[in-house]
Amino acid sequence: QLLLLLLLLLFVHVTRSGFIASSNRIYRPSSIATGLEAQTMEQENNKSLKMKLGVTDVPINKDKVTAKPWIIGHRGALYDELENTIPAFQKCLDLGCEGIELDVFWLEEDNSLIVFHGGGTDQNPGDLTDYCIHQDGRSILDCKTYPQTQKLLFNPDWPEFGCPPERVRGATIPRLDEVFNLIKGTNIIVKIELKGEGCTLPVLDLVHKMDMLHQCHFSSFDHTRIALIRKLHPQRNPDGSHKYKTGALFDTVPSDFLQQAQAIGASEVHLRYDTCTKERVQQIHNAGMGTMAWLRGPVGMKRDCQEHYLDVGNEDFAMYETLMLTGVQQLCCNRPDVLRQYLKQFD
């Protein structure tokens, strides 16, 4: 009986000590974990954004925070107003964001620069299917002039639009010069993604015409576009920084991403949020370039937080804290109001 009692006590001790839980509910197997338990824990770790970005063991110490990341409104404040519209950008001004991000296409026939995202891929952007009503199979570039774009009706049922349906109905596509008029003379920066074919030189012409260079940064997934800007404008400020700020956008990150960014003279590297690791951020800063993490649209972010990253919510405090811990300098986010609220603790 004594032997049985000792065996029972040993079993209880082993059961209680088999796993050690962190505050983030990420579990690490002890030496006695079974193969099934280890497999389960590996799956949970694989679904941790903190683990993926390499910041699991670095809690934020408020006393050591010397710089807060810039808040960049991704297509404006797209959960309040329709993305890439004047009201969405106005909301970012009202929130005190450091910048806004927008997408630009060039309509050659009337030399219009329009602010629009659309569906499709980064290689073939501007698809109107689902984005607008009765436009299946058409592209924004099928609109030859700016007045034609004003006849498009945005689809209030499109799930990529994060704002309430009533903010979608009646919304219109703005021109880039209208956005410039909104922000001119403020402290806000505009991150211009060169989305459409042939838009680089017209964008530069407008920036010069309206004297907006000090408020404009240029970016693209098509690195030839920002390479052209650097070729045309290699000028530097007295501190050595580029006068024309350019950002090399990456979705997936190749092994030579840093060399690619340096080869085109990029001022910054813009990484998708879940590839913006602490190690990569440090490498970019060591190379003398700035950093920005960009978040996906509403549908992609919702799916990521339901299926891939279970230790954070959909752009909640936990997600923003995780990204801040990487050391990234700018966050291009969909919920600038939430990020502003989170950062108040560091004021």
Protein backbone atom coordinates (compact mmCIF):
# COMPACT_ATOMS: atom_id res chain seq x y z
CA GLN A 1 0.00 0.00 0.00
CA LEU A 2 2.85 2.39 0.81
CA LEU A 3 4.41 1.65 -2.56
CA LEU A 4 1.13 2.34 -4.34
CA LEU A 5 0.77 5.64 -2.44
CA LEU A 6 4.27 6.73 -3.48
CA LEU A 7 3.55 5.85 -7.12
CA LEU A 8 0.33 7.87 -6.98
CA LEU A 9 2.11 10.94 -5.58
CA LEU A 10 4.78 10.66 -8.28
CA PHE A 11 2.11 10.48 -10.97
CA VAL A 12 0.39 13.64 -9.66
CA HIS A 13 3.71 15.51 -9.56
CA VAL A 14 4.58 14.56 -13.12
CA THR A 15 1.12 15.47 -14.40
CA ARG A 16 1.31 18.94 -12.86
CA SER A 17 4.82 19.69 -14.11
CA GLY A 18 4.51 18.28 -17.61
CA PHE A 19 3.85 21.66 -19.19
CA ILE A 20 4.99 25.16 -18.43
CA ALA A 21 2.62 27.88 -19.67
CA SER A 22 3.82 31.34 -20.63
CA SER A 23 1.66 34.43 -20.16
CA ASN A 24 0.85 34.29 -23.87
CA ARG A 25 -0.60 30.78 -23.64
CA ILE A 26 2.23 29.32 -25.71
CA TYR A 27 3.19 25.94 -24.30
CA ARG A 28 6.57 24.26 -24.28
CA PRO A 29 6.88 20.52 -23.77
CA SER A 30 8.75 19.15 -20.79
CA SER A 31 11.08 16.23 -21.19
CA ILE A 32 8.21 13.83 -20.54
CA ALA A 33 5.72 15.25 -23.09
CA THR A 34 4.29 12.65 -25.37
CA GLY A 35 4.66 12.84 -29.13
CA LEU A 36 1.04 13.95 -29.52
CA GLU A 37 1.42 16.69 -26.92
CA ALA A 38 4.62 17.94 -28.54
CA GLN A 39 2.92 18.02 -31.92
CA THR A 40 0.00 20.02 -30.49
CA MET A 41 2.34 22.53 -28.85
CA GLU A 42 4.33 22.93 -32.05
CA GLN A 43 1.13 23.76 -33.90
CA GLU A 44 0.22 26.39 -31.30
CA ASN A 45 3.68 27.96 -31.49
CA ASN A 46 3.40 28.05 -35.28
CA LYS A 47 0.21 30.09 -34.85
CA SER A 48 1.88 32.75 -32.72
CA LEU A 49 2.67 36.12 -34.32
CA LYS A 50 5.13 36.84 -31.51
CA MET A 51 6.98 33.63 -32.24
CA LYS A 52 7.08 34.36 -35.96
CA LEU A 53 8.42 37.87 -35.48
CA GLY A 54 10.95 36.84 -32.84
CA VAL A 55 9.66 38.97 -29.97
CA THR A 56 8.27 36.34 -27.57
CA ASP A 57 10.63 37.05 -24.68
CA VAL A 58 10.77 40.83 -24.86
CA PRO A 59 8.00 42.54 -22.87
CA ILE A 60 7.52 46.26 -23.42
CA ASN A 61 9.17 48.39 -20.77
CA LYS A 62 7.47 51.78 -20.88
CA ASP A 63 10.46 53.47 -19.30
CA LYS A 64 12.71 52.34 -22.17
CA VAL A 65 10.44 53.45 -25.03
CA THR A 66 12.23 56.39 -26.62
CA ALA A 67 10.31 56.58 -29.90
CA LYS A 68 6.81 55.58 -30.89
CA PRO A 69 6.09 54.28 -34.38
CA TRP A 70 4.42 56.59 -36.83
CA ILE A 71 0.75 55.90 -37.46
CA ILE A 72 0.07 55.64 -41.18
CA GLY A 73 -3.59 55.23 -42.14
CA HIS A 74 -3.75 52.38 -44.68
CA ARG A 75 -5.94 53.85 -47.44
CA GLY A 76 -7.10 56.27 -44.79
CA ALA A 77 -9.26 55.26 -41.84
CA LEU A 78 -11.01 52.50 -43.76
CA TYR A 79 -13.17 51.19 -40.91
CA ASP A 80 -14.77 54.63 -40.52
CA GLU A 81 -15.04 55.76 -44.14
CA LEU A 82 -14.65 54.12 -47.54
CA GLU A 83 -10.99 53.45 -48.28
CA ASN A 84 -9.03 55.88 -50.47
CA THR A 85 -11.61 58.67 -50.21
CA ILE A 86 -11.38 62.23 -48.94
CA PRO A 87 -13.47 61.46 -45.80
CA ALA A 88 -11.16 58.52 -44.97
CA PHE A 89 -8.12 60.77 -45.19
CA GLN A 90 -9.82 63.57 -43.27
CA LYS A 91 -10.46 61.10 -40.45
CA CYS A 92 -6.71 60.42 -40.25
CA LEU A 93 -6.05 64.14 -39.95
CA ASP A 94 -8.63 64.35 -37.17
CA LEU A 95 -6.95 61.44 -35.34
CA GLY A 96 -3.54 63.09 -35.52
CA CYS A 97 -1.91 60.40 -37.66
CA GLU A 98 1.61 61.03 -38.89
CA GLY A 99 0.72 59.87 -42.37
CA ILE A 100 -1.74 58.37 -44.82
CA GLU A 101 -1.16 55.71 -47.47
CA LEU A 102 -2.95 55.68 -50.81
CA ASP A 103 -2.84 54.03 -54.23
CA VAL A 104 -2.57 55.85 -57.55
CA PHE A 105 -3.49 55.08 -61.17
CA TRP A 106 -2.88 57.28 -64.19
CA LEU A 107 -5.56 57.81 -66.85
CA GLU A 108 -3.58 58.78 -69.92
CA GLU A 109 -6.41 60.22 -72.01
CA ASP A 110 -7.04 63.22 -69.73
CA ASN A 111 -3.81 62.95 -67.70
CA SER A 112 -5.73 62.29 -64.48
CA LEU A 113 -4.17 60.75 -61.38
CA ILE A 114 -6.86 58.93 -59.44
CA VAL A 115 -6.71 57.48 -55.92
CA PHE A 116 -8.03 53.93 -56.04
CA HIS A 117 -7.10 50.40 -55.02
CA GLY A 118 -9.44 47.86 -56.58
CA GLY A 119 -9.09 44.10 -56.72
CA GLY A 120 -6.65 41.95 -58.63
CA THR A 121 -3.00 41.37 -57.83
CA ASP A 122 -0.05 43.69 -57.39
CA GLN A 123 1.05 42.63 -60.86
CA ASN A 124 -2.39 43.25 -62.38
CA PRO A 125 -4.17 45.73 -60.09
CA GLY A 126 -7.34 47.78 -60.40
CA ASP A 127 -9.93 45.05 -61.03
CA LEU A 128 -13.49 46.36 -60.67
CA THR A 129 -15.18 42.96 -60.32
CA ASP A 130 -17.04 42.85 -56.97
CA TYR A 131 -15.46 46.19 -56.06
CA CYS A 132 -18.06 48.09 -58.05
CA ILE A 133 -21.58 47.21 -59.14
CA HIS A 134 -22.10 45.81 -62.66
CA GLN A 135 -18.39 45.94 -63.54
CA ASP A 136 -17.49 42.25 -63.86
CA GLY A 137 -14.30 41.69 -65.83
CA ARG A 138 -13.46 45.38 -66.11
CA SER A 139 -10.49 47.33 -64.79
CA ILE A 140 -10.23 50.88 -63.51
CA LEU A 141 -8.05 51.53 -66.56
CA ASP A 142 -11.06 50.84 -68.77
CA CYS A 143 -12.19 54.25 -67.55
CA LYS A 144 -10.30 56.52 -69.91
CA THR A 145 -11.03 59.80 -68.13
CA TYR A 146 -11.68 61.02 -64.60
CA PRO A 147 -15.36 61.87 -65.26
CA GLN A 148 -15.92 58.23 -66.26
CA THR A 149 -14.66 57.07 -62.85
CA GLN A 150 -17.31 59.22 -61.17
CA LYS A 151 -20.03 57.04 -62.69
CA LEU A 152 -18.79 53.93 -60.87
CA LEU A 153 -20.92 52.66 -58.01
CA PHE A 154 -19.02 51.04 -55.16
CA ASN A 155 -20.44 47.74 -53.94
CA PRO A 156 -21.65 48.18 -50.32
CA ASP A 157 -21.70 44.39 -49.86
CA TRP A 158 -18.02 43.89 -50.74
CA PRO A 159 -16.42 42.43 -47.57
CA GLU A 160 -13.10 44.17 -48.25
CA PHE A 161 -14.77 47.47 -47.39
CA GLY A 162 -14.43 47.70 -43.62
CA CYS A 163 -16.69 50.71 -43.13
CA PRO A 164 -20.49 50.64 -42.71
CA PRO A 165 -22.43 50.17 -45.97
CA GLU A 166 -23.95 53.64 -45.72
CA ARG A 167 -20.44 55.11 -46.00
CA VAL A 168 -19.94 53.20 -49.25
CA ARG A 169 -23.08 54.31 -51.02
CA GLY A 170 -22.53 57.53 -52.89
CA ALA A 171 -18.76 57.58 -52.32
CA THR A 172 -16.60 58.80 -55.20
CA ILE A 173 -13.02 58.32 -56.36
CA PRO A 174 -10.83 61.38 -55.68
CA ARG A 175 -7.97 62.77 -57.73
CA LEU A 176 -4.51 62.94 -56.19
CA ASP A 177 -4.48 66.74 -56.40
CA GLU A 178 -7.64 66.82 -54.26
CA VAL A 179 -5.86 64.81 -51.57
CA PHE A 180 -2.88 67.17 -51.80
CA ASN A 181 -5.20 70.15 -51.29
CA LEU A 182 -6.57 68.44 -48.17
CA ILE A 183 -3.21 67.84 -46.51
CA LYS A 184 -1.12 70.70 -47.90
CA GLY A 185 0.36 72.79 -45.11
CA THR A 186 -0.20 70.13 -42.45
CA ASN A 187 2.42 67.91 -40.83
CA ILE A 188 0.98 64.76 -42.37
CA ILE A 189 3.00 62.62 -44.78
CA VAL A 190 1.40 60.88 -47.74
CA LYS A 191 2.76 57.49 -48.77
CA ILE A 192 1.97 57.25 -52.49
CA GLU A 193 1.90 53.70 -53.78
CA LEU A 194 2.57 53.83 -57.52
CA LYS A 195 -0.06 51.27 -58.43
CA GLY A 196 -0.83 51.68 -62.11
CA GLU A 197 1.28 51.45 -65.23
CA GLY A 198 2.90 54.71 -66.32
CA CYS A 199 2.01 56.70 -63.21
CA THR A 200 5.50 57.50 -61.92
CA LEU A 201 6.34 60.54 -64.03
CA PRO A 202 2.85 62.10 -63.86
CA VAL A 203 2.94 61.74 -60.05
CA LEU A 204 6.32 63.45 -59.88
CA ASP A 205 5.07 66.25 -62.14
CA LEU A 206 2.08 66.88 -59.87
CA VAL A 207 4.21 66.76 -56.71
CA HIS A 208 6.53 69.39 -58.19
CA LYS A 209 3.66 71.52 -59.53
CA MET A 210 1.95 71.65 -56.15
CA ASP A 211 5.21 71.94 -54.17
CA MET A 212 4.46 68.82 -52.13
CA LEU A 213 7.79 66.99 -52.12
CA HIS A 214 8.38 67.60 -48.41
CA GLN A 215 5.14 65.75 -47.63
CA CYS A 216 5.41 62.90 -50.14
CA HIS A 217 7.02 59.48 -50.06
CA PHE A 218 6.86 57.09 -53.02
CA SER A 219 6.54 53.30 -52.91
CA SER A 220 5.75 50.35 -55.16
CA PHE A 221 5.83 46.58 -55.41
CA ASP A 222 7.18 47.23 -58.92
CA HIS A 223 10.67 48.28 -57.94
CA THR A 224 11.48 49.67 -61.39
CA ARG A 225 9.18 52.58 -60.57
CA ILE A 226 11.05 53.71 -57.48
CA ALA A 227 14.36 52.93 -59.19
CA LEU A 228 13.33 55.47 -61.83
CA ILE A 229 12.69 58.09 -59.16
CA ARG A 230 16.12 57.51 -57.66
CA LYS A 231 17.75 57.69 -61.10
CA LEU A 232 16.03 61.00 -61.86
CA HIS A 233 16.48 62.44 -58.36
CA PRO A 234 19.56 61.23 -56.48
CA GLN A 235 19.75 64.45 -54.43
CA ARG A 236 20.46 64.18 -50.73
CA ASN A 237 19.85 66.41 -47.74
CA PRO A 238 22.76 67.80 -45.67
CA ASP A 239 22.32 64.91 -43.22
CA GLY A 240 22.81 62.39 -46.03
CA SER A 241 19.18 61.31 -46.31
CA HIS A 242 17.45 61.27 -49.68
CA LYS A 243 15.33 64.26 -50.62
CA TYR A 244 13.02 61.96 -52.55
CA LYS A 245 11.86 59.28 -50.09
CA THR A 246 11.18 55.90 -51.66
CA GLY A 247 9.97 52.62 -50.17
CA ALA A 248 10.58 49.14 -51.55
CA LEU A 249 7.39 47.16 -50.93
CA PHE A 250 7.60 43.41 -50.32
CA ASP A 251 4.80 40.88 -49.90
CA THR A 252 6.86 37.74 -49.51
CA VAL A 253 10.45 38.43 -48.53
CA PRO A 254 13.25 37.00 -50.67
CA SER A 255 16.55 36.08 -49.05
CA ASP A 256 18.26 39.02 -50.79
CA PHE A 257 15.55 41.60 -50.00
CA LEU A 258 18.08 43.96 -48.43
CA GLN A 259 20.33 43.86 -51.48
CA GLN A 260 17.33 44.44 -53.75
CA ALA A 261 16.30 47.51 -51.77
CA GLN A 262 19.83 48.89 -51.78
CA ALA A 263 20.24 48.29 -55.51
CA ILE A 264 17.32 50.58 -56.31
CA GLY A 265 18.36 53.23 -53.80
CA ALA A 266 15.34 52.80 -51.55
CA SER A 267 15.10 55.04 -48.50
CA GLU A 268 12.87 52.55 -46.71
CA VAL A 269 11.80 48.92 -46.78
CA HIS A 270 8.10 48.17 -46.36
CA LEU A 271 7.35 44.64 -45.16
CA ARG A 272 4.02 42.85 -44.73
CA TYR A 273 3.33 42.88 -41.00
CA ASP A 274 3.79 39.13 -40.43
CA THR A 275 7.16 39.11 -42.21
CA CYS A 276 8.46 42.13 -40.29
CA THR A 277 10.71 40.23 -37.92
CA LYS A 278 12.88 41.87 -35.31
CA GLU A 279 15.96 40.53 -37.07
CA ARG A 280 14.97 41.97 -40.46
CA VAL A 281 14.12 45.33 -38.94
CA GLN A 282 17.55 45.49 -37.34
CA GLN A 283 19.23 44.54 -40.62
CA ILE A 284 17.39 47.31 -42.46
CA HIS A 285 18.27 49.92 -39.84
CA ASN A 286 21.91 48.82 -39.84
CA ALA A 287 21.92 49.39 -43.60
CA GLY A 288 20.79 52.98 -43.08
CA MET A 289 17.20 52.56 -44.30
CA GLY A 290 13.88 53.15 -42.60
CA THR A 291 11.18 50.56 -41.92
CA MET A 292 7.44 50.26 -42.24
CA ALA A 293 5.13 47.32 -41.59
CA TRP A 294 1.97 47.28 -43.68
CA LEU A 295 -1.16 45.40 -42.72
CA ARG A 296 -3.39 43.59 -45.15
CA GLY A 297 -6.95 44.63 -45.96
CA PRO A 298 -9.90 43.73 -43.70
CA VAL A 299 -10.57 40.30 -45.23
CA GLY A 300 -6.94 39.19 -45.08
CA MET A 301 -6.46 40.45 -41.52
CA LYS A 302 -9.61 38.73 -40.29
CA ARG A 303 -8.52 35.43 -41.84
CA ASP A 304 -4.99 35.72 -40.45
CA CYS A 305 -6.25 36.23 -36.90
CA GLN A 306 -8.74 33.38 -37.14
CA GLU A 307 -6.48 30.83 -38.78
CA HIS A 308 -2.81 31.76 -38.47
CA TYR A 309 -2.08 33.95 -35.43
CA LEU A 310 -4.08 32.99 -32.38
CA ASP A 311 -2.13 35.01 -29.81
CA VAL A 312 -3.35 38.40 -31.11
CA GLY A 313 -6.64 39.90 -32.20
CA ASN A 314 -7.50 41.67 -35.43
CA GLU A 315 -5.48 44.86 -34.96
CA ASP A 316 -6.00 45.00 -31.22
CA PHE A 317 -3.54 46.21 -28.58
CA ALA A 318 -1.81 42.81 -28.52
CA MET A 319 -1.11 42.91 -32.25
CA TYR A 320 0.18 46.48 -32.19
CA GLU A 321 2.36 45.74 -29.17
CA THR A 322 3.84 42.73 -30.98
CA LEU A 323 4.69 44.83 -34.03
CA MET A 324 6.10 47.65 -31.92
CA LEU A 325 8.44 45.18 -30.23
CA THR A 326 10.16 44.50 -33.56
CA GLY A 327 11.48 48.06 -33.56
CA VAL A 328 9.71 48.97 -36.81
CA GLN A 329 9.43 52.74 -37.27
CA GLN A 330 6.06 53.04 -39.01
CA LEU A 331 2.84 51.04 -38.89
CA CYS A 332 0.56 51.26 -41.92
CA CYS A 333 -2.63 50.11 -40.25
CA ASN A 334 -6.37 49.82 -40.85
CA ARG A 335 -7.38 50.95 -37.36
CA PRO A 336 -5.40 54.14 -36.69
CA ASP A 337 -7.82 55.07 -33.92
CA VAL A 338 -6.99 51.88 -32.00
CA LEU A 339 -3.25 52.34 -32.52
CA ARG A 340 -3.48 55.96 -31.38
CA GLN A 341 -5.28 54.82 -28.22
CA TYR A 342 -2.67 52.12 -27.58
CA LEU A 343 0.26 54.53 -27.97
CA LYS A 344 -1.17 57.04 -25.48
CA GLN A 345 0.38 55.03 -22.64
CA PHE A 346 3.83 56.07 -23.90
CA ASP A 347 3.10 59.82 -23.96
